[in-house]
Amino acid sequence: MTIIIQIKVTPNASKNQLIGYQEGVLRVRIRGVPEKGRVNEELIEFLADILGIAKSQIEILSGHTSRLKRLKIEGISQFPSIARE
C-alpha cells in the first residue's frame, strides 16, 4: 500500500524527532541544515529508520525547498501513531 502524507519540517534541531500531528500535518524536527538538500536526505533517512522500510520507498512529491512537504511512502497502509516524549 501507499500513503501520501504532509510533513512540516523544522531544520537545525538538536536531534531528529517526531513532534506529532497538527491540523492533518505531521511535524518533524531534523538536525540537518537547509542547504543542498541535506534536510530532505536526513528526513528520508529518519522516516525510513522509524518505519523499518528502505529509503527508496519514500519520495518527496512537493516542497523540496519548503518546510511543508508532501511525501509518498510505499509499503505501509498508515503512518504509525506517535507518542509524545
C-alpha atoms as a PDB file:
ATOM      1  CA  MET A   1       0.000   0.000   0.000  1.00  0.00           C
ATOM      2  CA  THR A   2       0.987   3.603  -0.453  1.00  0.00           C
ATOM      3  CA  ILE A   3       0.171   6.685   1.582  1.00  0.00           C
ATOM      4  CA  ILE A   4       0.592  10.380   0.853  1.00  0.00           C
ATOM      5  CA  ILE A   5       1.367  12.489   3.908  1.00  0.00           C
ATOM      6  CA  GLN A   6       2.047  16.175   4.531  1.00  0.00           C
ATOM      7  CA  ILE A   7       5.011  16.943   6.749  1.00  0.00           C
ATOM      8  CA  LYS A   8       6.218  20.223   8.209  1.00  0.00           C
ATOM      9  CA  VAL A   9       9.959  20.121   8.824  1.00  0.00           C
ATOM     10  CA  THR A  10      11.844  22.263  11.314  1.00  0.00           C
ATOM     11  CA  PRO A  11      15.560  22.188  10.406  1.00  0.00           C
ATOM     12  CA  ASN A  12      18.592  22.833  12.650  1.00  0.00           C
ATOM     13  CA  ALA A  13      17.100  20.852  15.544  1.00  0.00           C
ATOM     14  CA  SER A  14      19.237  19.408  18.318  1.00  0.00           C
ATOM     15  CA  LYS A  15      18.020  15.917  17.369  1.00  0.00           C
ATOM     16  CA  ASN A  16      15.760  14.219  14.826  1.00  0.00           C
ATOM     17  CA  GLN A  17      12.325  13.923  16.382  1.00  0.00           C
ATOM     18  CA  LEU A  18       8.668  13.331  15.526  1.00  0.00           C
ATOM     19  CA  ILE A  19       6.599  16.033  17.241  1.00  0.00           C
ATOM     20  CA  GLY A  20       3.074  14.939  16.346  1.00  0.00           C
ATOM     21  CA  TYR A  21       0.102  15.717  14.131  1.00  0.00           C
ATOM     22  CA  GLN A  22      -1.328  19.219  13.992  1.00  0.00           C
ATOM     23  CA  GLU A  23      -4.226  20.012  11.640  1.00  0.00           C
ATOM     24  CA  GLY A  24      -3.501  16.966   9.466  1.00  0.00           C
ATOM     25  CA  VAL A  25       0.209  17.726   9.106  1.00  0.00           C
ATOM     26  CA  LEU A  26       2.947  15.655  10.716  1.00  0.00           C
ATOM     27  CA  ARG A  27       5.525  17.887  12.428  1.00  0.00           C
ATOM     28  CA  VAL A  28       9.139  16.688  12.400  1.00  0.00           C
ATOM     29  CA  ARG A  29      12.375  18.221  13.685  1.00  0.00           C
ATOM     30  CA  ILE A  30      15.512  17.400  11.688  1.00  0.00           C
ATOM     31  CA  ARG A  31      19.142  18.110  12.604  1.00  0.00           C
ATOM     32  CA  GLY A  32      20.266  18.896   9.066  1.00  0.00           C
ATOM     33  CA  VAL A  33      20.914  22.357   7.694  1.00  0.00           C
ATOM     34  CA  PRO A  34      18.607  23.592   4.919  1.00  0.00           C
ATOM     35  CA  GLU A  35      21.135  23.731   2.102  1.00  0.00           C
ATOM     36  CA  LYS A  36      21.859  21.433  -0.844  1.00  0.00           C
ATOM     37  CA  GLY A  37      19.039  19.042   0.109  1.00  0.00           C
ATOM     38  CA  ARG A  38      20.620  17.906   3.374  1.00  0.00           C
ATOM     39  CA  VAL A  39      17.375  18.242   5.333  1.00  0.00           C
ATOM     40  CA  ASN A  40      15.492  16.223   2.714  1.00  0.00           C
ATOM     41  CA  GLU A  41      18.104  13.449   2.815  1.00  0.00           C
ATOM     42  CA  GLU A  42      18.049  13.347   6.594  1.00  0.00           C
ATOM     43  CA  LEU A  43      14.248  13.400   6.695  1.00  0.00           C
ATOM     44  CA  ILE A  44      14.017  10.407   4.343  1.00  0.00           C
ATOM     45  CA  GLU A  45      16.678   8.505   6.285  1.00  0.00           C
ATOM     46  CA  PHE A  46      14.966   9.277   9.624  1.00  0.00           C
ATOM     47  CA  LEU A  47      11.500   8.221   8.444  1.00  0.00           C
ATOM     48  CA  ALA A  48      12.813   5.058   6.761  1.00  0.00           C
ATOM     49  CA  ASP A  49      14.519   4.065  10.007  1.00  0.00           C
ATOM     50  CA  ILE A  50      11.382   4.705  12.097  1.00  0.00           C
ATOM     51  CA  LEU A  51       9.113   2.846   9.674  1.00  0.00           C
ATOM     52  CA  GLY A  52      11.543  -0.007   9.043  1.00  0.00           C
ATOM     53  CA  ILE A  53      11.471   0.437   5.265  1.00  0.00           C
ATOM     54  CA  ALA A  54      14.059   1.235   2.603  1.00  0.00           C
ATOM     55  CA  LYS A  55      14.828   4.873   1.810  1.00  0.00           C
ATOM     56  CA  SER A  56      13.850   4.166  -1.793  1.00  0.00           C
ATOM     57  CA  GLN A  57      10.240   3.646  -0.641  1.00  0.00           C
ATOM     58  CA  ILE A  58       9.955   7.310   0.359  1.00  0.00           C
ATOM     59  CA  GLU A  59       9.630  10.026  -2.276  1.00  0.00           C
ATOM     60  CA  ILE A  60       9.214  13.779  -1.849  1.00  0.00           C
ATOM     61  CA  LEU A  61       6.397  14.762  -4.200  1.00  0.00           C
ATOM     62  CA  SER A  62       6.447  18.502  -3.492  1.00  0.00           C
ATOM     63  CA  GLY A  63       8.130  21.002  -1.219  1.00  0.00           C
ATOM     64  CA  HIS A  64      11.767  20.171  -1.949  1.00  0.00           C
ATOM     65  CA  THR A  65      12.831  23.677  -0.875  1.00  0.00           C
ATOM     66  CA  SER A  66       9.974  24.360   1.534  1.00  0.00           C
ATOM     67  CA  ARG A  67       9.338  23.398   5.147  1.00  0.00           C
ATOM     68  CA  LEU A  68       5.952  21.980   4.144  1.00  0.00           C
ATOM     69  CA  LYS A  69       6.432  18.800   2.102  1.00  0.00           C
ATOM     70  CA  ARG A  70       4.224  16.112   0.575  1.00  0.00           C
ATOM     71  CA  LEU A  71       5.689  12.629   0.752  1.00  0.00           C
ATOM     72  CA  LYS A  72       4.693   9.363  -0.854  1.00  0.00           C
ATOM     73  CA  ILE A  73       5.537   6.365   1.310  1.00  0.00           C
ATOM     74  CA  GLU A  74       5.251   2.885  -0.194  1.00  0.00           C
ATOM     75  CA  GLY A  75       4.949  -0.342   1.745  1.00  0.00           C
ATOM     76  CA  ILE A  76       2.734   0.880   4.605  1.00  0.00           C
ATOM     77  CA  SER A  77      -1.015   1.354   4.854  1.00  0.00           C
ATOM     78  CA  GLN A  78      -0.992   4.029   7.563  1.00  0.00           C
ATOM     79  CA  PHE A  79       1.512   6.063   9.497  1.00  0.00           C
ATOM     80  CA  PRO A  80       2.081   4.620  12.992  1.00  0.00           C
ATOM     81  CA  SER A  81       0.678   6.522  15.968  1.00  0.00           C
ATOM     82  CA  ILE A  82       3.048   8.916  17.633  1.00  0.00           C
ATOM     83  CA  ALA A  83       3.659   9.087  21.347  1.00  0.00           C
ATOM     84  CA  ARG A  84       4.874  12.456  22.565  1.00  0.00           C
ATOM     85  CA  GLU A  85       8.056  12.471  24.589  1.00  0.00           C
END
